Protein backbone atom coordinates (compact mmCIF):
# COMPACT_ATOMS: atom_id res chain seq x y z
CA MET A 1 11.51 22.02 -7.90
CA SER A 2 9.86 24.64 -10.07
CA GLU A 3 11.32 27.08 -12.58
CA GLU A 4 9.12 30.00 -13.65
CA ARG A 5 9.89 32.77 -16.06
CA PHE A 6 7.84 35.33 -17.93
CA ALA A 7 7.83 36.19 -21.63
CA PHE A 8 6.35 39.58 -22.40
CA ALA A 9 4.95 41.15 -25.51
CA ALA A 10 7.37 43.61 -27.04
CA GLY A 11 6.56 47.15 -25.96
CA ASP A 12 3.71 46.21 -23.59
CA ALA A 13 4.94 45.10 -20.17
CA ARG A 14 1.42 45.45 -18.77
CA ASP A 15 0.05 42.55 -20.75
CA PRO A 16 2.61 39.75 -21.42
CA ILE A 17 1.61 37.69 -24.45
CA ILE A 18 2.75 34.43 -22.87
CA VAL A 19 3.75 33.20 -19.42
CA ALA A 20 5.69 29.96 -19.73
CA ILE A 21 6.34 27.58 -16.87
CA TYR A 22 8.35 24.38 -16.69
CA GLU A 23 8.38 22.25 -13.53
CA THR A 24 9.03 18.84 -12.08
CA GLN A 25 7.35 17.32 -9.06
CA ALA A 26 7.85 14.07 -7.25
CA GLU A 27 4.35 13.35 -5.93
CA HIS A 28 0.58 13.71 -6.47
CA ARG A 29 -0.73 17.25 -6.70
CA ALA A 30 -4.38 18.36 -6.85
CA LEU A 31 -5.91 21.76 -7.80
CA GLY A 32 -9.53 22.54 -7.02
CA LEU A 33 -11.97 24.28 -9.37
CA HIS A 34 -10.51 27.56 -10.61
CA SER A 35 -10.03 29.60 -13.76
CA HIS A 36 -7.59 31.99 -15.40
CA PRO A 37 -8.14 35.20 -17.38
CA ARG A 38 -5.66 33.77 -19.92
CA GLY A 39 -5.84 30.76 -22.14
CA GLN A 40 -3.92 27.79 -20.74
CA LEU A 41 -1.98 25.08 -22.51
CA SER A 42 -0.58 22.36 -20.23
CA GLY A 43 1.34 19.25 -21.14
CA LEU A 44 3.89 16.74 -19.90
CA ARG A 45 7.22 15.30 -20.96
CA ARG A 46 6.77 12.56 -18.38
CA GLY A 47 3.86 11.35 -16.27
CA LEU A 48 0.07 11.75 -16.44
CA LEU A 49 -2.35 14.59 -15.79
CA THR A 50 -6.12 14.61 -15.33
CA ILE A 51 -8.08 17.76 -16.18
CA GLY A 52 -11.82 18.24 -15.82
CA THR A 53 -14.48 20.87 -16.52
CA GLU A 54 -18.17 20.79 -15.75
CA THR A 55 -18.87 18.92 -18.99
CA ASP A 56 -15.69 16.92 -19.88
CA THR A 57 -12.82 15.02 -18.38
CA TRP A 58 -9.44 14.38 -20.00
CA VAL A 59 -6.55 12.14 -19.05
CA VAL A 60 -3.50 13.83 -20.58
CA PRO A 61 -0.52 11.52 -21.16
CA ALA A 62 2.95 12.60 -22.24
CA GLU A 63 3.17 14.00 -25.77
CA HIS A 64 -0.28 15.50 -25.40
CA ALA A 65 -1.59 18.71 -23.90
CA VAL A 66 -4.92 20.17 -22.83
CA TRP A 67 -6.07 23.54 -24.08
CA LEU A 68 -8.41 25.66 -21.92
CA PRO A 69 -9.76 28.98 -23.31
CA PRO A 70 -9.67 32.09 -21.09
CA HIS A 71 -11.99 32.08 -18.03
CA GLN A 72 -12.74 28.36 -18.35
CA PRO A 73 -13.41 26.82 -14.88
CA HIS A 74 -11.46 23.59 -14.46
CA HIS A 75 -9.81 21.32 -11.86
CA GLY A 76 -6.90 18.98 -12.19
CA TYR A 77 -4.49 16.62 -10.55
CA THR A 78 -1.29 14.79 -11.41
CA HIS A 79 -0.48 11.14 -10.80
CA GLY A 80 2.81 10.49 -9.12
CA ALA A 81 6.02 12.07 -10.44
CA VAL A 82 5.64 14.34 -13.46
CA GLU A 83 7.74 16.62 -15.61
CA GLY A 84 5.45 19.22 -17.09
CA TRP A 85 4.97 22.59 -18.68
CA SER A 86 2.30 25.20 -19.08
CA CYS A 87 1.82 28.29 -21.28
CA TYR A 88 -0.63 31.02 -20.29
CA ILE A 89 -1.62 33.05 -23.33
CA ALA A 90 -3.02 36.60 -23.22
CA GLU A 91 -6.77 36.74 -23.95
CA THR A 92 -6.14 39.14 -26.88
CA ALA A 93 -3.98 36.44 -28.52
CA CYS A 94 -6.64 33.68 -28.13
CA ALA A 95 -9.09 34.89 -30.78
CA THR A 96 -7.86 32.41 -33.40
CA LEU A 97 -7.23 29.54 -30.95
CA PRO A 98 -9.80 26.81 -30.17
CA GLU A 99 -12.96 28.19 -28.57
CA ARG A 100 -13.64 25.07 -26.50
CA PRO A 101 -11.44 22.97 -24.18
CA CYS A 102 -9.72 20.09 -25.95
CA ILE A 103 -6.81 17.75 -25.81
CA ILE A 104 -4.23 18.04 -28.59
CA LYS A 105 -1.36 16.03 -29.92
CA VAL A 106 1.74 18.12 -29.24
CA SER A 107 4.46 18.51 -31.86
CA GLY A 108 8.05 18.45 -30.68
CA LEU A 109 8.40 22.06 -31.89
CA LEU A 110 5.48 23.29 -29.80
CA ARG A 111 6.64 21.52 -26.64
CA GLU A 112 10.24 22.71 -26.99
CA ALA A 113 9.07 26.27 -27.78
CA VAL A 114 7.19 26.42 -24.45
CA ILE A 115 10.14 24.94 -22.57
CA ARG A 116 12.54 27.42 -24.21
CA ALA A 117 10.21 30.27 -23.31
CA SER A 118 10.12 29.17 -19.69
CA GLY A 119 13.78 30.25 -19.44
CA TRP A 120 13.29 33.74 -20.77
CA GLN A 121 13.93 36.65 -18.41
CA GLY A 122 13.08 40.31 -18.53
CA TRP A 123 10.10 42.47 -19.47
CA GLU A 124 10.38 42.50 -23.25
CA LEU A 125 11.22 39.99 -25.98
CA ASP A 126 14.05 40.45 -28.39
CA GLU A 127 13.42 39.81 -32.09
CA ALA A 128 14.34 36.10 -31.94
CA GLN A 129 12.17 35.49 -28.88
CA TRP A 130 9.21 37.27 -30.45
CA ARG A 131 9.46 35.06 -33.56
CA LEU A 132 9.57 31.94 -31.38
CA ALA A 133 6.46 33.17 -29.53
CA MET A 134 4.63 33.53 -32.86
CA VAL A 135 5.78 30.05 -33.94
CA LEU A 136 4.36 28.70 -30.62
CA LEU A 137 0.98 30.21 -31.38
CA ASP A 138 1.04 28.91 -34.96
CA GLU A 139 1.90 25.40 -33.83
CA LEU A 140 -0.98 25.47 -31.31
CA ARG A 141 -3.44 26.54 -34.00
CA ALA A 142 -2.23 23.70 -36.29
CA SER A 143 -2.23 21.00 -33.56
CA PRO A 144 -4.64 18.11 -34.21
CA ILE A 145 -7.37 17.57 -31.66
CA ASP A 146 -7.37 14.16 -29.94
CA PRO A 147 -10.90 12.62 -29.67
CA PHE A 148 -10.18 10.67 -26.43
CA THR A 149 -12.32 12.64 -24.01
CA LEU A 150 -15.11 11.81 -21.60
CA PRO A 151 -18.13 14.05 -22.10
CA MET A 152 -20.46 14.28 -19.08
CA PRO A 153 -24.26 14.02 -19.50
CA ARG A 154 -26.40 17.00 -18.43
CA ASP A 155 -29.50 15.15 -17.21
CA PRO A 156 -29.21 15.08 -13.35
CA ARG A 157 -30.15 11.37 -13.26
CA LEU A 158 -27.57 10.41 -15.84
CA LEU A 159 -24.98 12.74 -14.25
CA ARG A 160 -25.48 10.94 -10.97
CA ILE A 161 -24.75 7.61 -12.64
CA ALA A 162 -21.72 9.05 -14.49
CA ARG A 163 -20.20 10.45 -11.31
CA ALA A 164 -20.74 7.15 -9.46
CA LEU A 165 -18.98 5.30 -12.28
CA LEU A 166 -16.08 7.74 -12.16
CA ASP A 167 -15.81 7.19 -8.42
CA ASP A 168 -15.80 3.38 -8.93
CA PRO A 169 -15.24 2.38 -12.62
CA GLY A 170 -15.02 -1.24 -11.58
CA ASP A 171 -18.66 -1.39 -10.40
CA ARG A 172 -20.18 -4.39 -12.19
CA ARG A 173 -23.80 -3.32 -12.04
CA GLY A 174 -25.56 -3.49 -15.41
CA MET A 175 -27.44 -0.71 -17.09
CA ASP A 176 -30.78 -1.98 -15.71
CA ALA A 177 -29.50 -1.75 -12.14
CA TRP A 178 -28.10 1.73 -12.66
CA ALA A 179 -31.33 2.88 -14.24
CA ALA A 180 -33.31 1.68 -11.24
CA TRP A 181 -30.79 3.25 -8.84
CA ALA A 182 -31.10 6.65 -10.53
CA GLY A 183 -34.90 6.49 -11.02
CA VAL A 184 -34.89 6.49 -14.80
CA SER A 185 -36.13 3.86 -17.31
CA GLU A 186 -33.47 1.77 -19.01
CA ARG A 187 -34.70 2.91 -22.40
CA THR A 188 -34.45 6.61 -21.46
CA LEU A 189 -30.98 6.02 -19.94
CA SER A 190 -29.77 4.39 -23.16
CA ARG A 191 -31.28 7.07 -25.46
CA ARG A 192 -30.16 10.09 -23.44
CA PHE A 193 -26.61 8.86 -22.89
CA VAL A 194 -26.09 8.85 -26.65
CA ALA A 195 -27.87 12.17 -27.13
CA GLU A 196 -25.95 13.98 -24.39
CA THR A 197 -22.47 12.45 -24.62
CA GLY A 198 -22.21 11.09 -28.17
CA HIS A 199 -21.46 7.62 -26.75
CA SER A 200 -23.61 4.68 -25.73
CA TYR A 201 -23.75 3.90 -22.03
CA THR A 202 -21.45 0.87 -22.63
CA ALA A 203 -18.93 2.84 -24.65
CA TRP A 204 -18.93 5.66 -22.10
CA ARG A 205 -18.33 3.29 -19.22
CA GLN A 206 -15.48 1.67 -21.17
CA ARG A 207 -13.84 5.11 -21.64
CA ALA A 208 -14.25 5.81 -17.91
CA ARG A 209 -12.53 2.52 -17.10
CA LEU A 210 -9.67 3.22 -19.52
CA MET A 211 -9.10 6.67 -18.12
CA ARG A 212 -8.89 5.26 -14.60
CA ALA A 213 -6.58 2.49 -15.94
CA LEU A 214 -4.21 5.16 -17.30
CA GLU A 215 -4.22 6.86 -13.90
CA MET A 216 -3.55 3.65 -12.01
CA LEU A 217 -0.81 2.54 -14.35
CA ALA A 218 0.90 5.91 -14.14
CA GLU A 219 0.88 5.56 -10.37
CA GLY A 220 2.70 2.22 -10.65
CA ALA A 221 -0.15 -0.31 -10.28
CA PRO A 222 0.59 -3.68 -11.96
CA VAL A 223 -1.49 -4.50 -15.05
CA THR A 224 -3.15 -7.45 -13.32
CA THR A 225 -4.29 -5.28 -10.40
CA VAL A 226 -5.69 -2.68 -12.76
CA ALA A 227 -7.65 -5.30 -14.72
CA ILE A 228 -9.14 -6.87 -11.61
CA ASP A 229 -9.94 -3.60 -9.80
CA LEU A 230 -11.67 -2.19 -12.90
CA GLY A 231 -13.93 -5.20 -13.31
CA TYR A 232 -12.53 -6.81 -16.46
CA ASP A 233 -13.15 -10.52 -16.84
CA SER A 234 -9.45 -11.24 -17.35
CA VAL A 235 -6.12 -9.52 -17.80
CA SER A 236 -6.08 -10.46 -21.46
CA ALA A 237 -9.51 -8.87 -21.94
CA PHE A 238 -8.26 -5.61 -20.41
CA ILE A 239 -5.10 -5.61 -22.56
CA ALA A 240 -7.18 -6.24 -25.71
CA VAL A 241 -9.52 -3.30 -24.98
CA PHE A 242 -6.61 -1.08 -24.04
CA LYS A 243 -4.76 -1.89 -27.30
CA ARG A 244 -7.83 -1.60 -29.45
CA THR A 245 -8.57 1.90 -28.06
CA LEU A 246 -5.15 3.38 -27.60
CA GLY A 247 -3.13 1.45 -30.18
CA VAL A 248 -0.57 -0.21 -27.90
CA THR A 249 -0.52 -2.50 -24.87
CA PRO A 250 -0.43 -0.95 -21.32
CA THR A 251 3.25 -1.95 -20.97
CA ALA A 252 4.20 -0.28 -24.29
CA TYR A 253 2.15 2.80 -23.48
CA PHE A 254 4.23 3.57 -20.42
CA GLY A 255 7.47 2.03 -21.81
């Protein structure tokens, strides 16, 4: 079921300042590469969302949202049942918003403002609605950026490795084997991974595994299955890495 309403800038029906959408869906949904002329803020009250661009990938859990500036190509997919919202912001209102895609920690005020706006009807805002729209934009500007992202390398050889690891994060091959597979020296692989992603190869692979773990857990996979499929030496080792990175155990994260 989807509920969609439009909130328009006062006095200018041709260019609505925000378009707010709230929807629930019971199963997986995928969207291929596309872009919007507006800025897009998308988040969830329940479930998990993956969004990717040519250079980054984000797994967006509940209480977070991803911001995409106008005209930013991206793809995305949900994992199982979700309850989510999106706000599309007119390009003219995006000048003071983040210039690059990012994931943010969403305040309750920001989330509820978007959900409230999704129920607005008509072509113009009344005074109270206009004030709420301005609060929404202020809250977005003030939202802290979450650093848990997965930057993609640019070097074609490293990119080939990165994509293979995203396809199968549980692959146990070491860096030497991956370097040989991609036709690059192990030293170059190590050095360029840091230079192009900001993370060592080992740290990057760990992030890729954790992002896939979040997806699998959101789809209902048991913790034991996730740990084994993603190549961890033991369930306890997986739980320890998960808690060290995300602050809670897998069970508590989705509790």
